[in-house]
N, C-alpha and C. Protein backbone atom coordinates (compact mmCIF):
# COMPACT_ATOMS: atom_id res chain seq x y z
N MET A 1 106.22 85.33 86.01
CA MET A 1 105.84 85.95 87.26
C MET A 1 106.77 87.12 87.51
N GLY A 2 106.20 88.24 87.90
CA GLY A 2 106.99 89.45 88.11
C GLY A 2 107.66 89.48 89.47
N THR A 3 108.32 90.59 89.73
CA THR A 3 109.00 90.77 91.01
C THR A 3 107.98 90.94 92.12
N GLN A 4 108.20 90.27 93.23
CA GLN A 4 107.32 90.41 94.38
C GLN A 4 107.86 91.52 95.28
N TYR A 5 106.95 92.26 95.90
CA TYR A 5 107.33 93.34 96.79
C TYR A 5 106.77 93.10 98.18
N GLN A 6 107.43 93.69 99.16
CA GLN A 6 106.95 93.63 100.53
C GLN A 6 106.95 95.02 101.12
N LEU A 7 106.04 95.28 102.04
CA LEU A 7 105.92 96.57 102.69
C LEU A 7 106.81 96.57 103.93
N VAL A 8 107.74 97.53 104.00
CA VAL A 8 108.67 97.59 105.12
C VAL A 8 108.73 99.01 105.67
N ASP A 9 109.13 99.11 106.95
CA ASP A 9 109.32 100.40 107.59
C ASP A 9 110.70 100.91 107.22
N ASN A 10 110.77 102.15 106.72
CA ASN A 10 112.07 102.68 106.30
C ASN A 10 112.84 103.32 107.45
N GLY A 11 112.32 103.25 108.66
CA GLY A 11 113.03 103.78 109.83
C GLY A 11 112.61 105.18 110.21
N ASN A 12 111.90 105.87 109.33
CA ASN A 12 111.43 107.23 109.61
C ASN A 12 109.95 107.25 109.96
N GLY A 13 109.39 106.09 110.20
CA GLY A 13 107.96 105.99 110.50
C GLY A 13 107.12 105.89 109.24
N ASN A 14 107.76 105.83 108.09
CA ASN A 14 107.04 105.70 106.82
C ASN A 14 107.21 104.29 106.29
N MET A 15 106.19 103.81 105.62
CA MET A 15 106.24 102.48 105.02
C MET A 15 106.52 102.64 103.53
N GLU A 16 107.30 101.73 102.99
CA GLU A 16 107.56 101.74 101.55
C GLU A 16 107.70 100.30 101.06
N PHE A 17 107.53 100.13 99.77
CA PHE A 17 107.64 98.81 99.15
C PHE A 17 109.08 98.57 98.73
N GLU A 18 109.56 97.37 99.02
CA GLU A 18 110.89 96.94 98.58
C GLU A 18 110.75 95.57 97.94
N PRO A 19 111.66 95.22 97.06
CA PRO A 19 111.60 93.86 96.49
C PRO A 19 111.70 92.81 97.59
N TYR A 20 110.92 91.76 97.45
CA TYR A 20 110.91 90.69 98.46
C TYR A 20 112.21 89.92 98.41
N ARG A 21 112.79 89.70 99.59
CA ARG A 21 113.99 88.86 99.72
C ARG A 21 113.62 87.70 100.62
N PRO A 22 113.83 86.47 100.16
CA PRO A 22 113.58 85.34 101.05
C PRO A 22 114.52 85.39 102.25
N PRO A 23 114.09 84.91 103.39
CA PRO A 23 114.96 84.98 104.58
C PRO A 23 116.22 84.14 104.40
N HIS A 24 117.30 84.64 104.95
CA HIS A 24 118.56 83.91 104.91
C HIS A 24 118.50 82.78 105.93
N GLU A 25 119.35 81.80 105.77
CA GLU A 25 119.37 80.67 106.71
C GLU A 25 119.63 81.14 108.13
N SER A 26 120.45 82.16 108.29
CA SER A 26 120.75 82.63 109.64
C SER A 26 119.50 83.23 110.29
N ASP A 27 118.67 83.91 109.49
CA ASP A 27 117.42 84.48 110.03
C ASP A 27 116.48 83.36 110.47
N VAL A 28 116.38 82.31 109.68
CA VAL A 28 115.51 81.19 110.02
C VAL A 28 116.04 80.50 111.28
N GLY A 29 117.35 80.34 111.37
CA GLY A 29 117.95 79.72 112.55
C GLY A 29 117.69 80.52 113.80
N GLU A 30 117.77 81.85 113.69
CA GLU A 30 117.50 82.70 114.85
C GLU A 30 116.04 82.59 115.27
N GLU A 31 115.14 82.51 114.29
CA GLU A 31 113.72 82.38 114.61
C GLU A 31 113.43 81.06 115.30
N ILE A 32 114.04 79.99 114.82
CA ILE A 32 113.86 78.68 115.44
C ILE A 32 114.45 78.69 116.85
N SER A 33 115.61 79.30 117.00
CA SER A 33 116.25 79.37 118.32
C SER A 33 115.38 80.14 119.30
N SER A 34 114.80 81.24 118.84
CA SER A 34 113.93 82.04 119.70
C SER A 34 112.68 81.24 120.09
N SER A 35 112.11 80.53 119.12
CA SER A 35 110.93 79.71 119.41
C SER A 35 111.27 78.61 120.40
N PHE A 36 112.44 78.02 120.25
CA PHE A 36 112.86 76.96 121.16
C PHE A 36 113.03 77.51 122.57
N LYS A 37 113.60 78.71 122.69
CA LYS A 37 113.76 79.31 124.02
C LYS A 37 112.41 79.54 124.69
N TRP A 38 111.41 80.00 123.92
CA TRP A 38 110.09 80.21 124.49
C TRP A 38 109.44 78.88 124.88
N ALA A 39 109.68 77.85 124.08
CA ALA A 39 109.13 76.53 124.41
C ALA A 39 109.74 76.00 125.71
N VAL A 40 111.05 76.18 125.87
CA VAL A 40 111.71 75.73 127.10
C VAL A 40 111.19 76.52 128.29
N ALA A 41 111.03 77.84 128.12
CA ALA A 41 110.51 78.66 129.21
C ALA A 41 109.10 78.22 129.60
N GLY A 42 108.27 77.91 128.60
CA GLY A 42 106.92 77.43 128.87
C GLY A 42 106.94 76.10 129.60
N ASP A 43 107.85 75.21 129.21
CA ASP A 43 107.97 73.93 129.89
C ASP A 43 108.39 74.10 131.35
N VAL A 44 109.30 75.02 131.61
CA VAL A 44 109.75 75.27 132.98
C VAL A 44 108.59 75.79 133.82
N VAL A 45 107.85 76.75 133.29
CA VAL A 45 106.71 77.29 134.03
C VAL A 45 105.66 76.21 134.28
N THR A 46 105.38 75.40 133.26
CA THR A 46 104.41 74.31 133.42
C THR A 46 104.88 73.33 134.49
N GLY A 47 106.15 73.01 134.49
CA GLY A 47 106.69 72.11 135.50
C GLY A 47 106.56 72.67 136.90
N LEU A 48 106.86 73.96 137.06
CA LEU A 48 106.74 74.58 138.38
C LEU A 48 105.30 74.61 138.86
N VAL A 49 104.39 74.99 137.99
CA VAL A 49 102.97 75.03 138.37
C VAL A 49 102.48 73.64 138.72
N GLY A 50 102.86 72.65 137.93
CA GLY A 50 102.47 71.27 138.22
C GLY A 50 103.01 70.77 139.54
N THR A 51 104.25 71.13 139.84
CA THR A 51 104.86 70.72 141.11
C THR A 51 104.15 71.36 142.29
N VAL A 52 103.86 72.64 142.19
CA VAL A 52 103.15 73.34 143.27
C VAL A 52 101.76 72.75 143.46
N ALA A 53 101.07 72.46 142.36
CA ALA A 53 99.72 71.86 142.46
C ALA A 53 99.79 70.48 143.10
N PHE A 54 100.78 69.67 142.72
CA PHE A 54 100.92 68.34 143.31
C PHE A 54 101.18 68.43 144.81
N ILE A 55 102.08 69.33 145.22
CA ILE A 55 102.38 69.49 146.65
C ILE A 55 101.14 69.96 147.40
N TRP A 56 100.37 70.87 146.80
CA TRP A 56 99.17 71.38 147.45
C TRP A 56 98.15 70.26 147.64
N VAL A 57 97.96 69.44 146.63
CA VAL A 57 97.00 68.32 146.73
C VAL A 57 97.46 67.32 147.78
N MET A 58 98.74 67.00 147.79
CA MET A 58 99.25 66.05 148.79
C MET A 58 99.08 66.61 150.21
N TYR A 59 99.34 67.90 150.39
CA TYR A 59 99.15 68.52 151.70
C TYR A 59 97.68 68.42 152.12
N ALA A 60 96.76 68.67 151.19
CA ALA A 60 95.33 68.60 151.51
C ALA A 60 94.93 67.18 151.90
N ILE A 61 95.44 66.18 151.18
CA ILE A 61 95.13 64.79 151.51
C ILE A 61 95.68 64.42 152.89
N ILE A 62 96.91 64.79 153.16
CA ILE A 62 97.51 64.50 154.47
C ILE A 62 96.74 65.18 155.58
N ASP A 63 96.32 66.42 155.36
CA ASP A 63 95.55 67.16 156.36
C ASP A 63 94.21 66.46 156.63
N CYS A 64 93.55 65.98 155.58
CA CYS A 64 92.28 65.27 155.76
C CYS A 64 92.49 63.97 156.53
N VAL A 65 93.55 63.24 156.22
CA VAL A 65 93.82 61.98 156.91
C VAL A 65 94.11 62.25 158.38
N GLN A 66 94.86 63.29 158.69
CA GLN A 66 95.15 63.63 160.09
C GLN A 66 93.86 63.95 160.85
N LYS A 67 92.96 64.70 160.22
CA LYS A 67 91.69 65.02 160.87
C LYS A 67 90.86 63.76 161.06
N LEU A 68 90.89 62.87 160.07
CA LEU A 68 90.14 61.62 160.16
C LEU A 68 90.67 60.75 161.28
N ILE A 69 91.98 60.71 161.47
CA ILE A 69 92.59 59.92 162.55
C ILE A 69 92.12 60.43 163.91
N LYS A 70 91.92 61.73 164.04
CA LYS A 70 91.46 62.29 165.31
C LYS A 70 89.98 61.99 165.56
N VAL A 71 89.17 61.91 164.50
CA VAL A 71 87.74 61.74 164.64
C VAL A 71 87.34 60.28 164.80
N VAL A 72 88.01 59.36 164.13
CA VAL A 72 87.60 57.95 164.13
C VAL A 72 87.60 57.35 165.53
N PRO A 73 88.61 57.54 166.38
CA PRO A 73 88.54 56.95 167.72
C PRO A 73 87.34 57.46 168.53
N ALA A 74 87.01 58.72 168.40
CA ALA A 74 85.85 59.25 169.11
C ALA A 74 84.56 58.62 168.62
N LEU A 75 84.46 58.40 167.33
CA LEU A 75 83.26 57.75 166.79
C LEU A 75 83.17 56.29 167.24
N CYS A 76 84.28 55.61 167.29
CA CYS A 76 84.30 54.21 167.72
C CYS A 76 83.88 54.10 169.19
N GLN A 77 84.35 55.01 170.02
CA GLN A 77 84.01 54.96 171.44
C GLN A 77 82.53 55.25 171.64
N SER A 78 82.00 56.22 170.93
CA SER A 78 80.59 56.57 171.13
C SER A 78 79.66 55.47 170.60
N SER A 79 80.08 54.76 169.56
CA SER A 79 79.22 53.71 169.02
C SER A 79 79.26 52.43 169.87
N SER A 80 80.35 52.22 170.60
CA SER A 80 80.45 51.02 171.42
C SER A 80 79.72 51.17 172.74
N GLN A 81 79.40 52.34 173.12
CA GLN A 81 78.71 52.55 174.42
C GLN A 81 77.23 52.43 174.31
């Protein structure tokens, strides 16, 4: 098997072929670290959105129960008469 080449930017806006170099361990570690940071950021955002949605649903349920408490006595009085 011959030498493998990869297309890279030479910094002047031109592309050229260079011999392929496998990534160093430090490059792989940086990529994993970056991916982990994005995963943590996504988890934080998901947690915040979930918390806001839960609070909103609980507020809606409490509001409905409060309205129901006001309506039920009036219905009971009108049905007993």
